[in-house]
Amino acid sequence: MSNETTAAIQALIKQVETLTTTVTDQQKRMDGLYEHNSRLLDQIKDGKRDDQSKPDETAMNKLGFERGKDGNWYPHGTRPAHVLTREEARDPAKYRAAKEAAAAVGATLEISDPDAPEDRHRAGRGDIATTQATVIKDDDARRVYVRRDVLGSSEFRAQYQRLRNDGYMPVSWDQPDELPAHLQDQINDA
């Protein structure tokens, strides 16, 4: 064999040794990573097993806890972190913490206002009056009061545009007591 061939074979053997060392080191690191992940998975499985052994409901009640809607235990009289009063929600730190806690359990953050009056905008509309008068002009205020059932009718659309062009603002009403006092008299007289 020539010197060049021998030198090439020796260089190739040296590269194979280096490659073998590199692969061996990587294998050791992969084995360590595998062992680490196995330990983590075992810890997670152990945690899930612990979660399945739920505490006795009566024992928890005796200790002063109650189960919330989300299934977690809370001291009696407290609410979960994802329900805030309006005053608590004004504090940015409390709001942020409650929002994160709600996201963690997959719930939405609720703002409650115990002092708020009854929510009327979601209530159904009352009955509509059956008066003779359906459209009443108030020239002083430049308003036209239109009974709600007439306001959406096809007959009123053309009249609506004429009134708007004349500078009147249409306002809907259901019952005569929703009208200004001086116009209520006109309906009572009709």
N, C-alpha and C. Protein backbone atom coordinates (compact mmCIF):
# COMPACT_ATOMS: atom_id res chain seq x y z
N MET A 1 0.84 -1.17 0.00
CA MET A 1 0.00 0.00 0.00
C MET A 1 0.89 1.23 0.00
N SER A 2 0.34 2.21 -0.60
CA SER A 2 1.09 3.46 -0.67
C SER A 2 0.89 4.27 0.59
N ASN A 3 1.75 5.23 0.78
CA ASN A 3 1.67 6.09 1.97
C ASN A 3 0.38 6.91 1.99
N GLU A 4 -0.08 7.29 0.84
CA GLU A 4 -1.32 8.09 0.78
C GLU A 4 -2.52 7.26 1.24
N THR A 5 -2.56 6.03 0.84
CA THR A 5 -3.67 5.16 1.21
C THR A 5 -3.63 4.90 2.71
N THR A 6 -2.46 4.68 3.23
CA THR A 6 -2.31 4.43 4.66
C THR A 6 -2.73 5.67 5.45
N ALA A 7 -2.32 6.82 5.02
CA ALA A 7 -2.68 8.07 5.70
C ALA A 7 -4.19 8.29 5.65
N ALA A 8 -4.81 7.97 4.52
CA ALA A 8 -6.25 8.15 4.38
C ALA A 8 -7.00 7.19 5.31
N ILE A 9 -6.51 5.94 5.40
CA ILE A 9 -7.17 4.95 6.28
C ILE A 9 -7.01 5.37 7.73
N GLN A 10 -5.82 5.88 8.13
CA GLN A 10 -5.61 6.32 9.51
C GLN A 10 -6.50 7.53 9.83
N ALA A 11 -6.66 8.45 8.88
CA ALA A 11 -7.53 9.61 9.08
C ALA A 11 -8.99 9.15 9.23
N LEU A 12 -9.37 8.16 8.43
CA LEU A 12 -10.73 7.62 8.49
C LEU A 12 -10.97 6.93 9.82
N ILE A 13 -10.00 6.19 10.30
CA ILE A 13 -10.12 5.51 11.60
C ILE A 13 -10.25 6.54 12.71
N LYS A 14 -9.50 7.63 12.64
CA LYS A 14 -9.56 8.69 13.64
C LYS A 14 -10.95 9.35 13.63
N GLN A 15 -11.53 9.60 12.45
CA GLN A 15 -12.86 10.20 12.35
C GLN A 15 -13.92 9.26 12.91
N VAL A 16 -13.77 7.95 12.65
CA VAL A 16 -14.73 6.97 13.17
C VAL A 16 -14.65 6.94 14.69
N GLU A 17 -13.43 7.02 15.28
CA GLU A 17 -13.29 7.04 16.73
C GLU A 17 -13.95 8.28 17.33
N THR A 18 -13.74 9.44 16.69
CA THR A 18 -14.37 10.68 17.16
C THR A 18 -15.89 10.60 17.06
N LEU A 19 -16.35 10.06 15.96
CA LEU A 19 -17.80 9.91 15.77
C LEU A 19 -18.37 8.94 16.79
N THR A 20 -17.67 7.86 17.08
CA THR A 20 -18.12 6.89 18.07
C THR A 20 -18.20 7.55 19.45
N THR A 21 -17.21 8.34 19.80
CA THR A 21 -17.20 9.04 21.08
C THR A 21 -18.40 10.01 21.17
N THR A 22 -18.64 10.74 20.09
CA THR A 22 -19.75 11.70 20.07
C THR A 22 -21.09 10.98 20.22
N VAL A 23 -21.26 9.89 19.50
CA VAL A 23 -22.52 9.12 19.58
C VAL A 23 -22.70 8.53 20.97
N THR A 24 -21.64 8.04 21.57
CA THR A 24 -21.71 7.48 22.92
C THR A 24 -22.12 8.56 23.93
N ASP A 25 -21.52 9.74 23.81
CA ASP A 25 -21.88 10.85 24.71
C ASP A 25 -23.35 11.25 24.54
N GLN A 26 -23.79 11.33 23.31
CA GLN A 26 -25.19 11.67 23.05
C GLN A 26 -26.12 10.60 23.62
N GLN A 27 -25.75 9.35 23.50
CA GLN A 27 -26.57 8.26 24.04
C GLN A 27 -26.68 8.37 25.55
N LYS A 28 -25.57 8.71 26.21
CA LYS A 28 -25.60 8.88 27.67
C LYS A 28 -26.55 10.01 28.06
N ARG A 29 -26.47 11.13 27.31
CA ARG A 29 -27.37 12.26 27.60
C ARG A 29 -28.82 11.88 27.36
N MET A 30 -29.08 11.15 26.29
CA MET A 30 -30.46 10.71 26.00
C MET A 30 -30.97 9.77 27.08
N ASP A 31 -30.10 8.88 27.58
CA ASP A 31 -30.51 7.99 28.66
C ASP A 31 -30.86 8.78 29.91
N GLY A 32 -30.05 9.81 30.22
CA GLY A 32 -30.33 10.66 31.37
C GLY A 32 -31.64 11.41 31.20
N LEU A 33 -31.88 11.90 29.99
CA LEU A 33 -33.13 12.60 29.70
C LEU A 33 -34.33 11.66 29.83
N TYR A 34 -34.16 10.43 29.36
CA TYR A 34 -35.24 9.45 29.45
C TYR A 34 -35.56 9.15 30.91
N GLU A 35 -34.52 8.97 31.73
CA GLU A 35 -34.73 8.70 33.16
C GLU A 35 -35.42 9.88 33.84
N HIS A 36 -35.00 11.09 33.50
CA HIS A 36 -35.61 12.30 34.09
C HIS A 36 -37.09 12.39 33.71
N ASN A 37 -37.40 12.19 32.44
CA ASN A 37 -38.80 12.25 32.00
C ASN A 37 -39.63 11.14 32.64
N SER A 38 -39.05 9.98 32.81
CA SER A 38 -39.77 8.87 33.47
C SER A 38 -40.12 9.25 34.90
N ARG A 39 -39.16 9.87 35.61
CA ARG A 39 -39.44 10.31 36.99
C ARG A 39 -40.56 11.34 37.01
N LEU A 40 -40.52 12.30 36.08
CA LEU A 40 -41.57 13.33 36.04
C LEU A 40 -42.93 12.71 35.76
N LEU A 41 -42.99 11.80 34.81
CA LEU A 41 -44.27 11.14 34.51
C LEU A 41 -44.78 10.35 35.71
N ASP A 42 -43.88 9.68 36.43
CA ASP A 42 -44.29 8.96 37.63
C ASP A 42 -44.86 9.91 38.67
N GLN A 43 -44.23 11.08 38.83
CA GLN A 43 -44.73 12.06 39.79
C GLN A 43 -46.11 12.56 39.39
N ILE A 44 -46.30 12.79 38.10
CA ILE A 44 -47.61 13.26 37.63
C ILE A 44 -48.67 12.19 37.88
N LYS A 45 -48.33 10.93 37.58
CA LYS A 45 -49.29 9.83 37.81
C LYS A 45 -49.61 9.70 39.29
N ASP A 46 -48.58 9.86 40.16
CA ASP A 46 -48.82 9.81 41.60
C ASP A 46 -49.75 10.93 42.03
N GLY A 47 -49.56 12.12 41.46
CA GLY A 47 -50.43 13.25 41.79
C GLY A 47 -51.86 12.99 41.37
N LYS A 48 -52.05 12.38 40.21
CA LYS A 48 -53.41 12.06 39.75
C LYS A 48 -54.04 11.01 40.64
N ARG A 49 -53.25 10.05 41.11
CA ARG A 49 -53.79 9.04 42.02
C ARG A 49 -54.24 9.70 43.32
N ASP A 50 -53.44 10.67 43.79
CA ASP A 50 -53.80 11.38 45.02
C ASP A 50 -55.09 12.17 44.82
N ASP A 51 -55.28 12.76 43.63
CA ASP A 51 -56.49 13.52 43.35
C ASP A 51 -57.72 12.62 43.35
N GLN A 52 -57.54 11.37 42.95
CA GLN A 52 -58.69 10.47 42.88
C GLN A 52 -59.16 10.07 44.26
N SER A 53 -58.29 10.13 45.23
CA SER A 53 -58.71 9.82 46.59
C SER A 53 -59.28 11.10 47.21
N LYS A 54 -60.51 11.44 46.84
CA LYS A 54 -61.17 12.69 47.25
C LYS A 54 -61.52 12.63 48.74
N PRO A 55 -61.47 13.78 49.40
CA PRO A 55 -61.86 13.81 50.82
C PRO A 55 -63.36 13.60 50.98
N ASP A 56 -63.73 13.10 52.14
CA ASP A 56 -65.13 12.84 52.47
C ASP A 56 -65.87 14.18 52.59
N GLU A 57 -67.03 14.27 51.92
CA GLU A 57 -67.81 15.52 51.90
C GLU A 57 -68.20 15.98 53.31
N THR A 58 -68.67 15.06 54.14
CA THR A 58 -69.10 15.45 55.50
C THR A 58 -67.91 15.88 56.34
N ALA A 59 -66.78 15.21 56.17
CA ALA A 59 -65.59 15.59 56.93
C ALA A 59 -65.15 17.00 56.54
N MET A 60 -65.18 17.31 55.26
CA MET A 60 -64.79 18.63 54.80
C MET A 60 -65.76 19.70 55.31
N ASN A 61 -67.06 19.38 55.31
CA ASN A 61 -68.05 20.33 55.83
C ASN A 61 -67.82 20.60 57.32
N LYS A 62 -67.46 19.54 58.06
CA LYS A 62 -67.19 19.71 59.49
C LYS A 62 -65.95 20.58 59.71
N LEU A 63 -65.00 20.51 58.77
CA LEU A 63 -63.80 21.32 58.88
C LEU A 63 -64.01 22.76 58.44
N GLY A 64 -65.21 23.07 57.94
CA GLY A 64 -65.52 24.44 57.55
C GLY A 64 -65.31 24.73 56.08
N PHE A 65 -65.38 23.70 55.24
CA PHE A 65 -65.22 23.89 53.81
C PHE A 65 -66.49 23.47 53.08
N GLU A 66 -66.67 24.06 51.91
CA GLU A 66 -67.78 23.67 51.04
C GLU A 66 -67.27 23.56 49.62
N ARG A 67 -67.91 22.69 48.85
CA ARG A 67 -67.49 22.48 47.47
C ARG A 67 -68.08 23.58 46.59
N GLY A 68 -67.22 24.19 45.77
CA GLY A 68 -67.67 25.23 44.84
C GLY A 68 -68.24 24.62 43.58
N LYS A 69 -68.79 25.46 42.70
CA LYS A 69 -69.36 24.99 41.44
C LYS A 69 -68.31 24.31 40.56
N ASP A 70 -67.05 24.71 40.73
CA ASP A 70 -65.98 24.13 39.92
C ASP A 70 -65.45 22.83 40.50
N GLY A 71 -66.00 22.37 41.64
CA GLY A 71 -65.57 21.11 42.24
C GLY A 71 -64.48 21.26 43.28
N ASN A 72 -63.93 22.44 43.44
CA ASN A 72 -62.88 22.67 44.43
C ASN A 72 -63.50 23.00 45.78
N TRP A 73 -62.68 22.90 46.84
CA TRP A 73 -63.14 23.18 48.20
C TRP A 73 -62.75 24.59 48.60
N TYR A 74 -63.69 25.30 49.24
CA TYR A 74 -63.46 26.68 49.69
C TYR A 74 -63.97 26.81 51.11
N PRO A 75 -63.36 27.69 51.91
CA PRO A 75 -63.90 27.94 53.25
C PRO A 75 -65.34 28.46 53.14
N HIS A 76 -66.18 28.07 54.12
CA HIS A 76 -67.59 28.50 54.09
C HIS A 76 -67.68 30.01 53.96
N GLY A 77 -68.56 30.46 53.05
CA GLY A 77 -68.82 31.89 52.88
C GLY A 77 -67.87 32.60 51.93
N THR A 78 -66.92 31.90 51.38
CA THR A 78 -66.02 32.55 50.41
C THR A 78 -66.39 32.11 49.01
N ARG A 79 -65.94 32.90 48.06
CA ARG A 79 -66.22 32.58 46.66
C ARG A 79 -64.93 32.17 45.98
N PRO A 80 -65.03 31.43 44.87
CA PRO A 80 -63.83 31.12 44.10
C PRO A 80 -63.17 32.40 43.59
N ALA A 81 -61.91 32.30 43.24
CA ALA A 81 -61.15 33.47 42.81
C ALA A 81 -61.65 34.08 41.51
N HIS A 82 -62.46 33.35 40.74
CA HIS A 82 -62.90 33.89 39.46
C HIS A 82 -64.26 34.59 39.53
N VAL A 83 -64.70 34.93 40.74
CA VAL A 83 -65.90 35.76 40.92
C VAL A 83 -65.49 36.93 41.81
N LEU A 84 -65.62 38.14 41.27
CA LEU A 84 -65.23 39.33 42.02
C LEU A 84 -66.42 40.27 42.15
N THR A 85 -66.43 41.04 43.23
CA THR A 85 -67.41 42.11 43.32
C THR A 85 -66.92 43.26 42.44
N ARG A 86 -67.78 44.20 42.17
CA ARG A 86 -67.40 45.33 41.32
C ARG A 86 -66.24 46.11 41.96
N GLU A 87 -66.26 46.27 43.30
CA GLU A 87 -65.19 47.00 43.97
C GLU A 87 -63.87 46.25 43.87
N GLU A 88 -63.90 44.91 44.04
CA GLU A 88 -62.67 44.12 43.94
C GLU A 88 -62.11 44.18 42.52
N ALA A 89 -62.97 44.22 41.54
CA ALA A 89 -62.53 44.23 40.14
C ALA A 89 -61.84 45.54 39.78
N ARG A 90 -62.06 46.59 40.54
CA ARG A 90 -61.41 47.87 40.26
C ARG A 90 -59.93 47.86 40.63
N ASP A 91 -59.52 46.89 41.46
CA ASP A 91 -58.11 46.75 41.83
C ASP A 91 -57.42 45.92 40.75
N PRO A 92 -56.49 46.52 39.98
CA PRO A 92 -55.87 45.80 38.85
C PRO A 92 -55.17 44.51 39.26
N ALA A 93 -54.52 44.49 40.43
CA ALA A 93 -53.81 43.28 40.86
C ALA A 93 -54.79 42.15 41.15
N LYS A 94 -55.87 42.46 41.87
CA LYS A 94 -56.88 41.44 42.17
C LYS A 94 -57.55 40.95 40.88
N TYR A 95 -57.84 41.88 40.00
CA TYR A 95 -58.51 41.52 38.74
C TYR A 95 -57.61 40.59 37.92
N ARG A 96 -56.34 40.94 37.80
CA ARG A 96 -55.40 40.14 37.02
C ARG A 96 -55.27 38.74 37.62
N ALA A 97 -55.13 38.65 38.95
CA ALA A 97 -54.99 37.35 39.63
C ALA A 97 -56.25 36.51 39.44
N ALA A 98 -57.41 37.12 39.55
CA ALA A 98 -58.67 36.39 39.38
C ALA A 98 -58.83 35.92 37.94
N LYS A 99 -58.43 36.74 36.99
CA LYS A 99 -58.53 36.37 35.58
C LYS A 99 -57.63 35.17 35.28
N GLU A 100 -56.41 35.18 35.84
CA GLU A 100 -55.50 34.05 35.65
C GLU A 100 -56.04 32.79 36.31
N ALA A 101 -56.61 32.93 37.51
CA ALA A 101 -57.17 31.77 38.21
C ALA A 101 -58.34 31.19 37.43
N ALA A 102 -59.15 32.05 36.86
CA ALA A 102 -60.29 31.58 36.07
C ALA A 102 -59.81 30.85 34.82
N ALA A 103 -58.78 31.40 34.18
CA ALA A 103 -58.25 30.75 32.98
C ALA A 103 -57.64 29.40 33.33
N ALA A 104 -57.06 29.28 34.52
CA ALA A 104 -56.43 28.02 34.92
C ALA A 104 -57.45 26.90 35.08
N VAL A 105 -58.67 27.23 35.53
CA VAL A 105 -59.70 26.20 35.68
C VAL A 105 -60.65 26.16 34.50
N GLY A 106 -60.38 26.96 33.47
CA GLY A 106 -61.22 26.95 32.28
C GLY A 106 -62.54 27.66 32.45
N ALA A 107 -62.60 28.60 33.39
CA ALA A 107 -63.84 29.35 33.63
C ALA A 107 -63.65 30.79 33.17
N THR A 108 -64.75 31.52 33.12
CA THR A 108 -64.66 32.94 32.80
C THR A 108 -64.77 33.74 34.08
N LEU A 109 -64.14 34.88 34.09
CA LEU A 109 -64.18 35.76 35.26
C LEU A 109 -65.54 36.44 35.30
N GLU A 110 -66.19 36.38 36.46
CA GLU A 110 -67.50 37.01 36.62
C GLU A 110 -67.37 38.19 37.57
N ILE A 111 -68.03 39.27 37.24
CA ILE A 111 -68.08 40.45 38.10
C ILE A 111 -69.50 40.53 38.65
N SER A 112 -69.62 40.51 39.97
CA SER A 112 -70.95 40.59 40.57
C SER A 112 -71.11 41.95 41.24
N ASP A 113 -72.32 42.43 41.24
CA ASP A 113 -72.63 43.70 41.88
C ASP A 113 -73.85 43.48 42.76
N PRO A 114 -73.65 43.19 44.05
CA PRO A 114 -74.79 42.90 44.92
C PRO A 114 -75.73 44.09 45.12
N ASP A 115 -75.21 45.31 44.89
CA ASP A 115 -76.04 46.50 45.09
C ASP A 115 -76.77 46.93 43.82
N ALA A 116 -76.56 46.22 42.72
CA ALA A 116 -77.14 46.63 41.44
C ALA A 116 -78.65 46.40 41.45
N PRO A 117 -79.40 47.31 40.84
CA PRO A 117 -80.84 47.09 40.75
C PRO A 117 -81.11 45.93 39.78
N GLU A 118 -82.34 45.49 39.76
CA GLU A 118 -82.71 44.38 38.88
C GLU A 118 -82.36 44.73 37.43
N ASP A 119 -81.84 43.77 36.73
CA ASP A 119 -81.40 43.96 35.34
C ASP A 119 -82.63 43.99 34.44
N ARG A 120 -83.09 45.19 34.06
CA ARG A 120 -84.33 45.33 33.29
C ARG A 120 -84.13 45.16 31.79
N HIS A 121 -82.93 45.37 31.27
CA HIS A 121 -82.78 45.34 29.82
C HIS A 121 -82.92 43.92 29.26
N ARG A 122 -82.85 42.90 30.11
CA ARG A 122 -83.05 41.54 29.63
C ARG A 122 -84.47 41.05 29.85
N ALA A 123 -85.23 41.82 30.57
CA ALA A 123 -86.61 41.43 30.82
C ALA A 123 -87.44 41.67 29.56
N GLY A 124 -88.48 40.91 29.40
CA GLY A 124 -89.34 41.09 28.23
C GLY A 124 -90.06 42.42 28.27
N ARG A 125 -90.46 42.87 27.14
CA ARG A 125 -91.19 44.14 27.09
C ARG A 125 -92.61 43.92 27.58
N GLY A 126 -93.15 44.98 28.13
CA GLY A 126 -94.52 44.91 28.62
C GLY A 126 -95.51 44.91 27.47
N ASP A 127 -96.75 44.81 27.81
CA ASP A 127 -97.79 44.85 26.79
C ASP A 127 -97.84 46.23 26.17
N ILE A 128 -98.26 46.27 24.92
CA ILE A 128 -98.38 47.53 24.21
C ILE A 128 -99.81 48.02 24.37
N ALA A 129 -99.94 49.30 24.64
CA ALA A 129 -101.26 49.90 24.82
C ALA A 129 -102.09 49.77 23.54
N THR A 130 -103.38 49.69 23.69
CA THR A 130 -104.28 49.62 22.53
C THR A 130 -105.08 50.92 22.46
N THR A 131 -104.35 52.00 22.30
CA THR A 131 -105.00 53.31 22.24
C THR A 131 -105.31 53.65 20.79
N GLN A 132 -106.21 54.60 20.61
CA GLN A 132 -106.53 55.09 19.27
C GLN A 132 -105.34 55.84 18.69
N ALA A 133 -104.70 56.65 19.54
CA ALA A 133 -103.58 57.46 19.08
C ALA A 133 -102.34 56.58 18.98
N THR A 134 -101.71 56.59 17.82
CA THR A 134 -100.48 55.83 17.63
C THR A 134 -99.29 56.73 17.37
N VAL A 135 -99.54 57.91 16.78
CA VAL A 135 -98.47 58.87 16.48
C VAL A 135 -98.88 60.20 17.07
N ILE A 136 -98.01 60.76 17.95
CA ILE A 136 -98.32 62.03 18.61
C ILE A 136 -97.14 62.97 18.41
N LYS A 137 -97.43 64.16 17.85
CA LYS A 137 -96.38 65.15 17.63
C LYS A 137 -96.26 66.06 18.83
N ASP A 138 -95.01 66.37 19.18
CA ASP A 138 -94.72 67.36 20.21
C ASP A 138 -93.91 68.44 19.50
N ASP A 139 -94.63 69.49 19.01
CA ASP A 139 -93.98 70.53 18.21
C ASP A 139 -92.93 71.30 19.01
N ASP A 140 -93.17 71.51 20.30
CA ASP A 140 -92.22 72.27 21.11
C ASP A 140 -90.88 71.55 21.22
N ALA A 141 -90.91 70.23 21.43
CA ALA A 141 -89.67 69.46 21.60
C ALA A 141 -89.16 68.90 20.28
N ARG A 142 -89.92 69.09 19.20
CA ARG A 142 -89.58 68.57 17.87
C ARG A 142 -89.38 67.05 17.92
N ARG A 143 -90.32 66.40 18.63
CA ARG A 143 -90.32 64.94 18.73
C ARG A 143 -91.67 64.40 18.28
N VAL A 144 -91.64 63.18 17.76
CA VAL A 144 -92.85 62.47 17.40
C VAL A 144 -92.84 61.17 18.19
N TYR A 145 -93.85 60.96 19.00
CA TYR A 145 -93.95 59.76 19.80
C TYR A 145 -94.80 58.75 19.03
N VAL A 146 -94.19 57.58 18.74
CA VAL A 146 -94.83 56.57 17.90
C VAL A 146 -94.95 55.29 18.72
N ARG A 147 -96.17 54.73 18.76
CA ARG A 147 -96.37 53.49 19.48
C ARG A 147 -95.48 52.41 18.84
N ARG A 148 -94.83 51.59 19.66
CA ARG A 148 -93.81 50.65 19.20
C ARG A 148 -94.31 49.70 18.11
N ASP A 149 -95.52 49.23 18.19
CA ASP A 149 -96.02 48.30 17.18
C ASP A 149 -96.20 48.98 15.82
N VAL A 150 -96.40 50.31 15.82
CA VAL A 150 -96.57 51.05 14.57
C VAL A 150 -95.21 51.44 14.00
N LEU A 151 -94.23 51.65 14.88
CA LEU A 151 -92.92 52.13 14.46
C LEU A 151 -92.28 51.21 13.42
N GLY A 152 -92.42 49.90 13.54
CA GLY A 152 -91.81 48.97 12.59
C GLY A 152 -92.68 48.62 11.41
N SER A 153 -93.88 49.17 11.33
CA SER A 153 -94.79 48.79 10.25
C SER A 153 -94.38 49.43 8.92
N SER A 154 -94.76 48.77 7.83
CA SER A 154 -94.42 49.28 6.50
C SER A 154 -95.18 50.58 6.19
N GLU A 155 -96.37 50.77 6.76
CA GLU A 155 -97.14 51.99 6.52
C GLU A 155 -96.44 53.21 7.11
N PHE A 156 -95.70 53.02 8.19
CA PHE A 156 -95.08 54.15 8.87
C PHE A 156 -93.75 54.55 8.24
N ARG A 157 -93.13 53.69 7.44
CA ARG A 157 -91.79 53.99 6.90
C ARG A 157 -91.76 55.29 6.09
N ALA A 158 -92.71 55.49 5.21
CA ALA A 158 -92.72 56.72 4.40
C ALA A 158 -92.97 57.93 5.30
N GLN A 159 -93.89 57.80 6.24
CA GLN A 159 -94.18 58.88 7.17
C GLN A 159 -92.95 59.18 8.03
N TYR A 160 -92.22 58.15 8.42
CA TYR A 160 -91.01 58.30 9.22
C TYR A 160 -90.00 59.20 8.51
N GLN A 161 -89.77 58.95 7.23
CA GLN A 161 -88.80 59.73 6.47
C GLN A 161 -89.25 61.20 6.35
N ARG A 162 -90.55 61.43 6.12
CA ARG A 162 -91.06 62.81 6.05
C ARG A 162 -90.86 63.53 7.37
N LEU A 163 -91.15 62.84 8.48
CA LEU A 163 -90.99 63.46 9.80
C LEU A 163 -89.51 63.80 10.07
N ARG A 164 -88.60 62.90 9.70
CA ARG A 164 -87.17 63.16 9.88
C ARG A 164 -86.72 64.35 9.04
N ASN A 165 -87.25 64.44 7.80
CA ASN A 165 -86.90 65.56 6.92
C ASN A 165 -87.44 66.88 7.47
N ASP A 166 -88.56 66.83 8.19
CA ASP A 166 -89.14 68.03 8.78
C ASP A 166 -88.47 68.40 10.12
N GLY A 167 -87.50 67.60 10.56
CA GLY A 167 -86.75 67.92 11.77
C GLY A 167 -87.31 67.30 13.04
N TYR A 168 -88.19 66.32 12.93
CA TYR A 168 -88.73 65.65 14.11
C TYR A 168 -87.92 64.41 14.43
N MET A 169 -87.78 64.11 15.71
CA MET A 169 -87.06 62.92 16.17
C MET A 169 -88.10 61.90 16.64
N PRO A 170 -88.23 60.75 15.95
CA PRO A 170 -89.19 59.73 16.39
C PRO A 170 -88.72 59.03 17.68
N VAL A 171 -89.65 58.83 18.60
CA VAL A 171 -89.39 58.15 19.87
C VAL A 171 -90.49 57.12 20.06
N SER A 172 -90.11 55.87 20.40
CA SER A 172 -91.13 54.83 20.56
C SER A 172 -91.66 54.81 21.99
N TRP A 173 -92.89 54.30 22.14
CA TRP A 173 -93.51 54.15 23.45
C TRP A 173 -94.42 52.93 23.44
N ASP A 174 -94.62 52.34 24.61
CA ASP A 174 -95.50 51.19 24.76
C ASP A 174 -96.78 51.54 25.51
N GLN A 175 -96.63 52.26 26.59
CA GLN A 175 -97.76 52.64 27.46
C GLN A 175 -97.83 54.15 27.56
N PRO A 176 -99.02 54.70 27.72
CA PRO A 176 -99.18 56.15 27.81
C PRO A 176 -98.36 56.79 28.93
N ASP A 177 -98.09 56.07 30.02
CA ASP A 177 -97.34 56.68 31.12
C ASP A 177 -95.86 56.89 30.77
N GLU A 178 -95.41 56.38 29.63
CA GLU A 178 -94.04 56.62 29.17
C GLU A 178 -93.91 57.96 28.44
N LEU A 179 -95.04 58.56 28.11
CA LEU A 179 -95.04 59.83 27.39
C LEU A 179 -94.90 60.99 28.37
N PRO A 180 -94.45 62.16 27.90
CA PRO A 180 -94.44 63.34 28.77
C PRO A 180 -95.86 63.63 29.27
N ALA A 181 -95.96 64.25 30.42
CA ALA A 181 -97.26 64.46 31.07
C ALA A 181 -98.24 65.23 30.19
N HIS A 182 -97.78 66.25 29.48
CA HIS A 182 -98.71 67.05 28.67
C HIS A 182 -99.24 66.25 27.47
N LEU A 183 -98.54 65.21 27.05
CA LEU A 183 -99.04 64.37 25.95
C LEU A 183 -99.93 63.24 26.47
N GLN A 184 -99.76 62.85 27.68
CA GLN A 184 -100.63 61.82 28.27
C GLN A 184 -102.07 62.31 28.30
N ASP A 185 -102.24 63.60 28.53
CA ASP A 185 -103.60 64.17 28.53
C ASP A 185 -104.25 64.03 27.17
N GLN A 186 -103.49 64.22 26.08
CA GLN A 186 -104.03 64.08 24.72
C GLN A 186 -104.53 62.66 24.48
N ILE A 187 -103.82 61.67 24.99
CA ILE A 187 -104.24 60.29 24.78
C ILE A 187 -105.48 59.99 25.61
N ASN A 188 -105.51 60.50 26.84
CA ASN A 188 -106.67 60.27 27.70
C ASN A 188 -107.92 60.94 27.12
N ASP A 189 -107.75 62.07 26.41
CA ASP A 189 -108.89 62.74 25.83
C ASP A 189 -109.38 62.03 24.56
N ALA A 190 -108.52 61.27 23.93
CA ALA A 190 -108.88 60.63 22.66
C ALA A 190 -109.81 59.46 22.86
